[in-house]
């Protein structure tokens, strides 16, 4: 079994049931592949987008939808 990073995936694999051993192996591989660089992403503050901007955009979208439906 090989753990793939998102950038390595070219097609979406079919899902299947994993045995208990395969699940343990997958977790072990994932833990081993998790690097300090991966962890760094979770230690930095992401300012994100202010809620006011998101709300304003949602209101504009709703107004356009209401105008198109009427």
Protein backbone atom coordinates (compact mmCIF):
# COMPACT_ATOMS: atom_id res chain seq x y z
CA UNK A 1 0.00 0.00 0.00
CA UNK A 2 1.25 3.49 -0.79
CA UNK A 3 -0.04 6.77 0.61
CA UNK A 4 -0.37 9.36 -2.14
CA UNK A 5 -0.22 13.11 -1.67
CA UNK A 6 -2.95 15.11 -3.46
CA UNK A 7 -0.46 16.40 -6.03
CA UNK A 8 0.48 12.81 -6.95
CA UNK A 9 -3.08 11.73 -7.73
CA UNK A 10 -4.05 11.72 -11.40
CA UNK A 11 -7.27 9.67 -11.18
CA UNK A 12 -9.72 9.05 -8.37
CA UNK A 13 -9.38 5.46 -7.11
CA UNK A 14 -12.40 3.25 -6.59
CA UNK A 15 -13.34 2.87 -2.96
CA UNK A 16 -13.20 -0.54 -1.35
CA UNK A 17 -13.42 -2.04 2.11
CA UNK A 18 -10.07 -2.31 3.86
CA UNK A 19 -9.14 -5.11 6.23
CA UNK A 20 -8.03 -4.24 9.76
CA UNK A 21 -4.41 -4.89 8.77
CA UNK A 22 -4.69 -2.60 5.73
CA UNK A 23 -6.17 0.17 7.89
CA UNK A 24 -3.31 -0.16 10.39
CA UNK A 25 -0.80 -0.09 7.54
CA UNK A 26 -2.46 2.98 6.00
CA UNK A 27 -2.34 4.87 9.31
CA UNK A 28 1.30 3.90 9.86
CA UNK A 29 2.25 5.04 6.35
CA UNK A 30 0.34 8.30 6.77
CA UNK A 31 2.04 9.01 10.11
CA UNK A 32 5.46 8.28 8.60
CA UNK A 33 4.76 10.51 5.59
CA UNK A 34 3.56 13.45 7.72
CA UNK A 35 6.45 15.91 7.76
CA UNK A 36 7.36 19.01 9.75
CA UNK A 37 6.39 21.01 6.67
CA UNK A 38 2.90 19.50 6.83
CA UNK A 39 2.66 20.40 10.52
CA UNK A 40 3.80 23.97 9.89
CA UNK A 41 0.57 24.64 8.01
CA UNK A 42 -1.39 24.12 11.23
CA UNK A 43 0.84 26.33 13.40
CA UNK A 44 0.35 29.54 11.40
CA UNK A 45 -2.58 31.89 11.85
CA UNK A 46 -4.67 32.17 8.73
CA UNK A 47 -6.36 35.55 8.69
CA UNK A 48 -8.95 34.32 6.21
CA UNK A 49 -11.67 36.56 4.80
CA UNK A 50 -13.63 38.91 7.06
CA UNK A 51 -17.17 37.66 7.69
CA UNK A 52 -18.57 41.01 6.56
CA UNK A 53 -17.09 40.49 3.08
CA UNK A 54 -18.48 36.97 2.86
CA UNK A 55 -21.92 38.14 3.98
CA UNK A 56 -21.91 41.05 1.50
CA UNK A 57 -21.02 38.68 -1.35
CA UNK A 58 -23.75 36.23 -0.29
CA UNK A 59 -26.30 39.07 -0.20
CA UNK A 60 -25.31 40.20 -3.71
CA UNK A 61 -25.61 36.65 -4.97
CA UNK A 62 -29.03 36.28 -3.34
CA UNK A 63 -30.23 39.56 -4.88
CA UNK A 64 -29.10 38.43 -8.35
CA UNK A 65 -30.86 35.08 -7.84
CA UNK A 66 -34.04 36.82 -6.70
CA UNK A 67 -34.00 39.14 -9.72
CA UNK A 68 -33.48 36.24 -12.09
CA UNK A 69 -36.30 34.20 -10.52
CA UNK A 70 -38.85 37.03 -10.64
